[in-house]
């Protein structure tokens, strides 16, 4: 090995801990960025779906019609039983 290679190896070995810490820090930063990007993407998709559903429900409201005659008859029979007693 030439003296230049030996010196470079010694320098790298001396700074190995700093280099590893820097690599770990960059890896964490990259993973955090990816997680934030994924969360933003999922949030955007969810919000888009919510807007579409809300728009559809406003344009097409459900009209529910309930036949209340059975309830009225039941309540009338209860009142008739109470007044008869």
PDB file of N, CA and C in Angstrom:
ATOM      1  N   UNK A   1       0.845  -1.182   0.000  1.00  0.00           N
ATOM      2  CA  UNK A   1       0.000   0.000   0.000  1.00  0.00           C
ATOM      3  C   UNK A   1       0.880   1.232   0.000  1.00  0.00           C
ATOM      4  N   UNK A   2       0.455   2.188  -0.737  1.00  0.00           N
ATOM      5  CA  UNK A   2       1.229   3.419  -0.761  1.00  0.00           C
ATOM      6  C   UNK A   2       0.960   4.212   0.519  1.00  0.00           C
ATOM      7  N   UNK A   3       1.822   5.132   0.780  1.00  0.00           N
ATOM      8  CA  UNK A   3       1.690   5.944   1.995  1.00  0.00           C
ATOM      9  C   UNK A   3       0.389   6.747   1.970  1.00  0.00           C
ATOM     10  N   UNK A   4      -0.001   7.159   0.793  1.00  0.00           N
ATOM     11  CA  UNK A   4      -1.252   7.936   0.643  1.00  0.00           C
ATOM     12  C   UNK A   4      -2.450   7.095   1.079  1.00  0.00           C
ATOM     13  N   UNK A   5      -2.509   5.834   0.660  1.00  0.00           N
ATOM     14  CA  UNK A   5      -3.594   4.941   1.036  1.00  0.00           C
ATOM     15  C   UNK A   5      -3.593   4.680   2.538  1.00  0.00           C
ATOM     16  N   UNK A   6      -2.405   4.532   3.101  1.00  0.00           N
ATOM     17  CA  UNK A   6      -2.283   4.280   4.531  1.00  0.00           C
ATOM     18  C   UNK A   6      -2.804   5.480   5.312  1.00  0.00           C
ATOM     19  N   UNK A   7      -2.404   6.662   4.899  1.00  0.00           N
ATOM     20  CA  UNK A   7      -2.867   7.883   5.569  1.00  0.00           C
ATOM     21  C   UNK A   7      -4.379   8.034   5.466  1.00  0.00           C
ATOM     22  N   UNK A   8      -4.937   7.749   4.290  1.00  0.00           N
ATOM     23  CA  UNK A   8      -6.384   7.853   4.076  1.00  0.00           C
ATOM     24  C   UNK A   8      -7.123   6.850   4.965  1.00  0.00           C
ATOM     25  N   UNK A   9      -6.581   5.644   5.083  1.00  0.00           N
ATOM     26  CA  UNK A   9      -7.190   4.613   5.924  1.00  0.00           C
ATOM     27  C   UNK A   9      -7.166   5.034   7.388  1.00  0.00           C
ATOM     28  N   UNK A  10      -6.050   5.575   7.838  1.00  0.00           N
ATOM     29  CA  UNK A  10      -5.944   6.024   9.229  1.00  0.00           C
ATOM     30  C   UNK A  10      -6.920   7.159   9.518  1.00  0.00           C
ATOM     31  N   UNK A  11      -7.051   8.054   8.563  1.00  0.00           N
ATOM     32  CA  UNK A  11      -7.967   9.187   8.718  1.00  0.00           C
ATOM     33  C   UNK A  11      -9.413   8.684   8.791  1.00  0.00           C
ATOM     34  N   UNK A  12      -9.758   7.741   7.928  1.00  0.00           N
ATOM     35  CA  UNK A  12     -11.106   7.174   7.925  1.00  0.00           C
ATOM     36  C   UNK A  12     -11.382   6.423   9.210  1.00  0.00           C
ATOM     37  N   UNK A  13     -10.400   5.685   9.674  1.00  0.00           N
ATOM     38  CA  UNK A  13     -10.559   4.925  10.907  1.00  0.00           C
ATOM     39  C   UNK A  13     -10.747   5.859  12.097  1.00  0.00           C
ATOM     40  N   UNK A  14     -10.053   6.964  12.107  1.00  0.00           N
ATOM     41  CA  UNK A  14     -10.164   7.937  13.200  1.00  0.00           C
ATOM     42  C   UNK A  14     -11.548   8.589  13.205  1.00  0.00           C
ATOM     43  N   UNK A  15     -12.132   8.791  12.046  1.00  0.00           N
ATOM     44  CA  UNK A  15     -13.429   9.470  11.943  1.00  0.00           C
ATOM     45  C   UNK A  15     -14.591   8.493  11.736  1.00  0.00           C
ATOM     46  N   UNK A  16     -14.340   7.204  11.911  1.00  0.00           N
ATOM     47  CA  UNK A  16     -15.365   6.202  11.629  1.00  0.00           C
ATOM     48  C   UNK A  16     -16.630   6.409  12.471  1.00  0.00           C
ATOM     49  N   UNK A  17     -16.483   6.717  13.737  1.00  0.00           N
ATOM     50  CA  UNK A  17     -17.651   6.927  14.607  1.00  0.00           C
ATOM     51  C   UNK A  17     -18.485   8.119  14.125  1.00  0.00           C
ATOM     52  N   UNK A  18     -17.816   9.197  13.738  1.00  0.00           N
ATOM     53  CA  UNK A  18     -18.525  10.376  13.231  1.00  0.00           C
ATOM     54  C   UNK A  18     -19.254  10.036  11.929  1.00  0.00           C
ATOM     55  N   UNK A  19     -18.594   9.289  11.083  1.00  0.00           N
ATOM     56  CA  UNK A  19     -19.185   8.913   9.793  1.00  0.00           C
ATOM     57  C   UNK A  19     -20.415   8.039  10.013  1.00  0.00           C
ATOM     58  N   UNK A  20     -20.325   7.076  10.923  1.00  0.00           N
ATOM     59  CA  UNK A  20     -21.460   6.186  11.202  1.00  0.00           C
ATOM     60  C   UNK A  20     -22.622   6.979  11.788  1.00  0.00           C
ATOM     61  N   UNK A  21     -22.334   7.901  12.725  1.00  0.00           N
ATOM     62  CA  UNK A  21     -23.399   8.736  13.305  1.00  0.00           C
ATOM     63  C   UNK A  21     -24.083   9.574  12.235  1.00  0.00           C
ATOM     64  N   UNK A  22     -23.286  10.129  11.337  1.00  0.00           N
ATOM     65  CA  UNK A  22     -23.841  10.955  10.268  1.00  0.00           C
ATOM     66  C   UNK A  22     -24.719  10.107   9.341  1.00  0.00           C
ATOM     67  N   UNK A  23     -24.271   8.895   9.036  1.00  0.00           N
ATOM     68  CA  UNK A  23     -25.065   8.009   8.178  1.00  0.00           C
ATOM     69  C   UNK A  23     -26.379   7.629   8.852  1.00  0.00           C
ATOM     70  N   UNK A  24     -26.324   7.331  10.147  1.00  0.00           N
ATOM     71  CA  UNK A  24     -27.549   6.983  10.878  1.00  0.00           C
ATOM     72  C   UNK A  24     -28.509   8.166  10.923  1.00  0.00           C
ATOM     73  N   UNK A  25     -27.970   9.355  11.160  1.00  0.00           N
ATOM     74  CA  UNK A  25     -28.796  10.563  11.204  1.00  0.00           C
ATOM     75  C   UNK A  25     -29.468  10.802   9.847  1.00  0.00           C
ATOM     76  N   UNK A  26     -28.728  10.631   8.781  1.00  0.00           N
ATOM     77  CA  UNK A  26     -29.302  10.815   7.438  1.00  0.00           C
ATOM     78  C   UNK A  26     -30.373   9.760   7.160  1.00  0.00           C
ATOM     79  N   UNK A  27     -30.146   8.529   7.599  1.00  0.00           N
ATOM     80  CA  UNK A  27     -31.122   7.461   7.407  1.00  0.00           C
ATOM     81  C   UNK A  27     -32.417   7.791   8.154  1.00  0.00           C
ATOM     82  N   UNK A  28     -32.298   8.232   9.416  1.00  0.00           N
ATOM     83  CA  UNK A  28     -33.490   8.613  10.189  1.00  0.00           C
ATOM     84  C   UNK A  28     -34.223   9.769   9.531  1.00  0.00           C
ATOM     85  N   UNK A  29     -33.480  10.737   9.040  1.00  0.00           N
ATOM     86  CA  UNK A  29     -34.083  11.888   8.374  1.00  0.00           C
ATOM     87  C   UNK A  29     -34.825  11.447   7.114  1.00  0.00           C
ATOM     88  N   UNK A  30     -34.246  10.571   6.350  1.00  0.00           N
ATOM     89  CA  UNK A  30     -34.898  10.058   5.142  1.00  0.00           C
ATOM     90  C   UNK A  30     -36.172   9.288   5.482  1.00  0.00           C
ATOM     91  N   UNK A  31     -36.114   8.444   6.505  1.00  0.00           N
ATOM     92  CA  UNK A  31     -37.294   7.657   6.899  1.00  0.00           C
ATOM     93  C   UNK A  31     -38.396   8.562   7.435  1.00  0.00           C
ATOM     94  N   UNK A  32     -38.031   9.591   8.187  1.00  0.00           N
ATOM     95  CA  UNK A  32     -39.025  10.541   8.691  1.00  0.00           C
ATOM     96  C   UNK A  32     -39.682  11.285   7.530  1.00  0.00           C
ATOM     97  N   UNK A  33     -38.876  11.686   6.578  1.00  0.00           N
ATOM     98  CA  UNK A  33     -39.415  12.365   5.402  1.00  0.00           C
ATOM     99  C   UNK A  33     -40.363  11.474   4.619  1.00  0.00           C
ATOM    100  N   UNK A  34     -39.985  10.214   4.449  1.00  0.00           N
ATOM    101  CA  UNK A  34     -40.865   9.280   3.745  1.00  0.00           C
ATOM    102  C   UNK A  34     -42.163   9.053   4.506  1.00  0.00           C
ATOM    103  N   UNK A  35     -42.068   8.954   5.832  1.00  0.00           N
ATOM    104  CA  UNK A  35     -43.270   8.754   6.651  1.00  0.00           C
ATOM    105  C   UNK A  35     -44.197   9.963   6.546  1.00  0.00           C
ATOM    106  N   UNK A  36     -43.634  11.157   6.592  1.00  0.00           N
ATOM    107  CA  UNK A  36     -44.451  12.369   6.447  1.00  0.00           C
ATOM    108  C   UNK A  36     -45.088  12.446   5.066  1.00  0.00           C
ATOM    109  N   UNK A  37     -44.328  12.071   4.059  1.00  0.00           N
ATOM    110  CA  UNK A  37     -44.859  12.076   2.696  1.00  0.00           C
ATOM    111  C   UNK A  37     -45.997  11.074   2.554  1.00  0.00           C
ATOM    112  N   UNK A  38     -45.821   9.892   3.131  1.00  0.00           N
ATOM    113  CA  UNK A  38     -46.872   8.869   3.075  1.00  0.00           C
ATOM    114  C   UNK A  38     -48.109   9.328   3.833  1.00  0.00           C
ATOM    115  N   UNK A  39     -47.927   9.944   5.001  1.00  0.00           N
ATOM    116  CA  UNK A  39     -49.065  10.441   5.780  1.00  0.00           C
ATOM    117  C   UNK A  39     -49.806  11.534   5.020  1.00  0.00           C
ATOM    118  N   UNK A  40     -49.068  12.420   4.373  1.00  0.00           N
ATOM    119  CA  UNK A  40     -49.695  13.483   3.586  1.00  0.00           C
ATOM    120  C   UNK A  40     -50.472  12.887   2.410  1.00  0.00           C
ATOM    121  N   UNK A  41     -49.910  11.874   1.768  1.00  0.00           N
ATOM    122  CA  UNK A  41     -50.574  11.231   0.638  1.00  0.00           C
ATOM    123  C   UNK A  41     -51.870  10.555   1.077  1.00  0.00           C
ATOM    124  N   UNK A  42     -51.815   9.820   2.188  1.00  0.00           N
ATOM    125  CA  UNK A  42     -53.014   9.145   2.700  1.00  0.00           C
ATOM    126  C   UNK A  42     -54.049  10.180   3.119  1.00  0.00           C
ATOM    127  N   UNK A  43     -53.618  11.249   3.770  1.00  0.00           N
ATOM    128  CA  UNK A  43     -54.532  12.316   4.162  1.00  0.00           C
ATOM    129  C   UNK A  43     -55.190  12.973   2.965  1.00  0.00           C
ATOM    130  N   UNK A  44     -54.426  13.197   1.929  1.00  0.00           N
ATOM    131  CA  UNK A  44     -54.962  13.820   0.721  1.00  0.00           C
ATOM    132  C   UNK A  44     -56.004  12.911   0.063  1.00  0.00           C
ATOM    133  N   UNK A  45     -55.708  11.625  -0.005  1.00  0.00           N
ATOM    134  CA  UNK A  45     -56.664  10.679  -0.589  1.00  0.00           C
ATOM    135  C   UNK A  45     -57.934  10.638   0.258  1.00  0.00           C
ATOM    136  N   UNK A  46     -57.788  10.575   1.576  1.00  0.00           N
ATOM    137  CA  UNK A  46     -58.951  10.548   2.457  1.00  0.00           C
ATOM    138  C   UNK A  46     -59.798  11.792   2.319  1.00  0.00           C
ATOM    139  N   UNK A  47     -59.159  12.945   2.252  1.00  0.00           N
ATOM    140  CA  UNK A  47     -59.897  14.197   2.100  1.00  0.00           C
ATOM    141  C   UNK A  47     -60.613  14.252   0.757  1.00  0.00           C
ATOM    142  N   UNK A  48     -59.977  13.770  -0.299  1.00  0.00           N
ATOM    143  CA  UNK A  48     -60.602  13.750  -1.617  1.00  0.00           C
ATOM    144  C   UNK A  48     -61.838  12.853  -1.624  1.00  0.00           C
ATOM    145  N   UNK A  49     -61.720  11.689  -1.010  1.00  0.00           N
ATOM    146  CA  UNK A  49     -62.865  10.778  -0.935  1.00  0.00           C
ATOM    147  C   UNK A  49     -63.983  11.416  -0.117  1.00  0.00           C
ATOM    148  N   UNK A  50     -63.627  12.057   0.990  1.00  0.00           N
ATOM    149  CA  UNK A  50     -64.635  12.720   1.827  1.00  0.00           C
ATOM    150  C   UNK A  50     -65.365  13.789   1.022  1.00  0.00           C
ATOM    151  N   UNK A  51     -64.642  14.585   0.257  1.00  0.00           N
ATOM    152  CA  UNK A  51     -65.272  15.630  -0.550  1.00  0.00           C
ATOM    153  C   UNK A  51     -66.231  15.030  -1.576  1.00  0.00           C
ATOM    154  N   UNK A  52     -65.812  13.961  -2.234  1.00  0.00           N
ATOM    155  CA  UNK A  52     -66.676  13.328  -3.238  1.00  0.00           C
ATOM    156  C   UNK A  52     -67.952  12.781  -2.597  1.00  0.00           C
ATOM    157  N   UNK A  53     -67.827  12.120  -1.454  1.00  0.00           N
ATOM    158  CA  UNK A  53     -68.993  11.552  -0.779  1.00  0.00           C
ATOM    159  C   UNK A  53     -69.918  12.662  -0.302  1.00  0.00           C
ATOM    160  N   UNK A  54     -69.337  13.711   0.263  1.00  0.00           N
ATOM    161  CA  UNK A  54     -70.142  14.824   0.754  1.00  0.00           C
ATOM    162  C   UNK A  54     -70.886  15.508  -0.398  1.00  0.00           C
ATOM    163  N   UNK A  55     -70.209  15.695  -1.511  1.00  0.00           N
ATOM    164  CA  UNK A  55     -70.831  16.315  -2.679  1.00  0.00           C
ATOM    165  C   UNK A  55     -71.982  15.444  -3.197  1.00  0.00           C
ATOM    166  N   UNK A  56     -71.752  14.130  -3.248  1.00  0.00           N
ATOM    167  CA  UNK A  56     -72.779  13.212  -3.715  1.00  0.00           C
ATOM    168  C   UNK A  56     -73.999  13.249  -2.788  1.00  0.00           C
ATOM    169  N   UNK A  57     -73.759  13.279  -1.480  1.00  0.00           N
ATOM    170  CA  UNK A  57     -74.877  13.299  -0.540  1.00  0.00           C
ATOM    171  C   UNK A  57     -75.655  14.600  -0.619  1.00  0.00           C
ATOM    172  N   UNK A  58     -74.999  15.690  -0.917  1.00  0.00           N
ATOM    173  CA  UNK A  58     -75.708  16.970  -1.063  1.00  0.00           C
ATOM    174  C   UNK A  58     -76.556  16.984  -2.332  1.00  0.00           C
ATOM    175  N   UNK A  59     -76.036  16.384  -3.393  1.00  0.00           N
ATOM    176  CA  UNK A  59     -76.772  16.361  -4.653  1.00  0.00           C
ATOM    177  C   UNK A  59     -77.908  15.345  -4.638  1.00  0.00           C
ATOM    178  N   UNK A  60     -77.747  14.258  -3.902  1.00  0.00           N
ATOM    179  CA  UNK A  60     -78.742  13.185  -3.869  1.00  0.00           C
ATOM    180  C   UNK A  60     -79.159  12.882  -2.430  1.00  0.00           C
ATOM    181  N   UNK A  61     -79.941  13.774  -1.827  1.00  0.00           N
ATOM    182  CA  UNK A  61     -80.344  13.489  -0.442  1.00  0.00           C
ATOM    183  C   UNK A  61     -81.305  12.304  -0.395  1.00  0.00           C
ATOM    184  N   UNK A  62     -81.177  11.517   0.633  1.00  0.00           N
ATOM    185  CA  UNK A  62     -82.071  10.368   0.790  1.00  0.00           C
ATOM    186  C   UNK A  62     -83.385  10.855   1.381  1.00  0.00           C
ATOM    187  N   UNK A  63     -84.463  10.422   0.783  1.00  0.00           N
ATOM    188  CA  UNK A  63     -85.772  10.768   1.308  1.00  0.00           C
ATOM    189  C   UNK A  63     -86.363   9.500   1.897  1.00  0.00           C
ATOM    190  N   UNK A  64     -86.469   9.491   3.195  1.00  0.00           N
ATOM    191  CA  UNK A  64     -87.014   8.316   3.853  1.00  0.00           C
ATOM    192  C   UNK A  64     -88.458   8.589   4.227  1.00  0.00           C
ATOM    193  N   UNK A  65     -89.318   7.677   3.857  1.00  0.00           N
ATOM    194  CA  UNK A  65     -90.729   7.780   4.173  1.00  0.00           C
ATOM    195  C   UNK A  65     -91.055   6.599   5.077  1.00  0.00           C
ATOM    196  N   UNK A  66     -91.637   6.909   6.218  1.00  0.00           N
ATOM    197  CA  UNK A  66     -91.924   5.857   7.166  1.00  0.00           C
ATOM    198  C   UNK A  66     -93.434   5.777   7.360  1.00  0.00           C
ATOM    199  N   UNK A  67     -93.951   4.581   7.339  1.00  0.00           N
ATOM    200  CA  UNK A  67     -95.372   4.365   7.584  1.00  0.00           C
ATOM    201  C   UNK A  67     -95.572   4.305   9.092  1.00  0.00           C
ATOM    202  N   UNK A  68     -96.200   5.320   9.654  1.00  0.00           N
ATOM    203  CA  UNK A  68     -96.357   5.434  11.096  1.00  0.00           C
ATOM    204  C   UNK A  68     -97.738   4.991  11.568  1.00  0.00           C
ATOM    205  N   UNK A  69     -98.506   4.376  10.716  1.00  0.00           N
ATOM    206  CA  UNK A  69     -99.853   3.987  11.131  1.00  0.00           C
ATOM    207  C   UNK A  69     -99.821   2.923  12.216  1.00  0.00           C
ATOM    208  N   UNK A  70     -98.892   1.989  12.158  1.00  0.00           N
ATOM    209  CA  UNK A  70     -98.808   0.946  13.177  1.00  0.00           C
ATOM    210  C   UNK A  70     -98.488   1.552  14.535  1.00  0.00           C
ATOM    211  N   UNK A  71     -97.613   2.524  14.557  1.00  0.00           N
ATOM    212  CA  UNK A  71     -97.268   3.181  15.818  1.00  0.00           C
ATOM    213  C   UNK A  71     -98.463   3.949  16.347  1.00  0.00           C
ATOM    214  N   UNK A  72     -99.158   4.647  15.475  1.00  0.00           N
ATOM    215  CA  UNK A  72    -100.335   5.413  15.902  1.00  0.00           C
ATOM    216  C   UNK A  72    -101.414   4.486  16.462  1.00  0.00           C
ATOM    217  N   UNK A  73    -101.622   3.371  15.806  1.00  0.00           N
ATOM    218  CA  UNK A  73    -102.623   2.414  16.299  1.00  0.00           C
ATOM    219  C   UNK A  73    -102.221   1.858  17.662  1.00  0.00           C
ATOM    220  N   UNK A  74    -100.938   1.565  17.843  1.00  0.00           N
ATOM    221  CA  UNK A  74    -100.450   1.044  19.118  1.00  0.00           C
ATOM    222  C   UNK A  74    -100.656   2.074  20.224  1.00  0.00           C
ATOM    223  N   UNK A  75    -100.281   3.320  19.948  1.00  0.00           N
ATOM    224  CA  UNK A  75    -100.440   4.367  20.951  1.00  0.00           C
ATOM    225  C   UNK A  75    -101.918   4.606  21.259  1.00  0.00           C
ATOM    226  N   UNK A  76    -102.758   4.534  20.255  1.00  0.00           N
ATOM    227  CA  UNK A  76    -104.198   4.714  20.471  1.00  0.00           C
ATOM    228  C   UNK A  76    -104.743   3.597  21.347  1.00  0.00           C
ATOM    229  N   UNK A  77    -104.280   2.368  21.111  1.00  0.00           N
ATOM    230  CA  UNK A  77    -104.767   1.253  21.920  1.00  0.00           C
ATOM    231  C   UNK A  77    -104.304   1.380  23.368  1.00  0.00           C
ATOM    232  N   UNK A  78    -103.108   1.876  23.578  1.00  0.00           N
ATOM    233  CA  UNK A  78    -102.623   2.085  24.947  1.00  0.00           C
ATOM    234  C   UNK A  78    -103.466   3.149  25.638  1.00  0.00           C
ATOM    235  N   UNK A  79    -103.752   4.228  24.929  1.00  0.00           N
ATOM    236  CA  UNK A  79    -104.555   5.287  25.537  1.00  0.00           C
ATOM    237  C   UNK A  79    -105.969   4.781  25.831  1.00  0.00           C
ATOM    238  N   UNK A  80    -106.529   3.987  24.942  1.00  0.00           N
ATOM    239  CA  UNK A  80    -107.870   3.461  25.149  1.00  0.00           C
ATOM    240  C   UNK A  80    -107.892   2.530  26.364  1.00  0.00           C
ATOM    241  N   UNK A  81    -106.829   1.725  26.525  1.00  0.00           N
ATOM    242  CA  UNK A  81    -106.751   0.829  27.687  1.00  0.00           C
ATOM    243  C   UNK A  81    -106.613   1.600  28.979  1.00  0.00           C
ATOM    244  N   UNK A  82    -105.883   2.679  28.961  1.00  0.00           N
ATOM    245  CA  UNK A  82    -105.692   3.481  30.165  1.00  0.00           C
ATOM    246  C   UNK A  82    -106.966   4.224  30.552  1.00  0.00           C
ATOM    247  N   UNK A  83    -107.715   4.721  29.562  1.00  0.00           N
ATOM    248  CA  UNK A  83    -108.956   5.437  29.867  1.00  0.00           C
ATOM    249  C   UNK A  83    -110.048   4.463  30.271  1.00  0.00           C
ATOM    250  N   UNK A  84    -109.986   3.213  29.813  1.00  0.00           N
ATOM    251  CA  UNK A  84    -111.005   2.227  30.150  1.00  0.00           C
ATOM    252  C   UNK A  84    -110.831   1.739  31.579  1.00  0.00           C
ATOM    253  N   UNK A  85    -109.646   1.816  32.116  1.00  0.00           N
ATOM    254  CA  UNK A  85    -109.405   1.323  33.472  1.00  0.00           C
ATOM    255  C   UNK A  85    -109.941   2.272  34.429  1.00  0.00           C
TER     256      UNK A  85
END
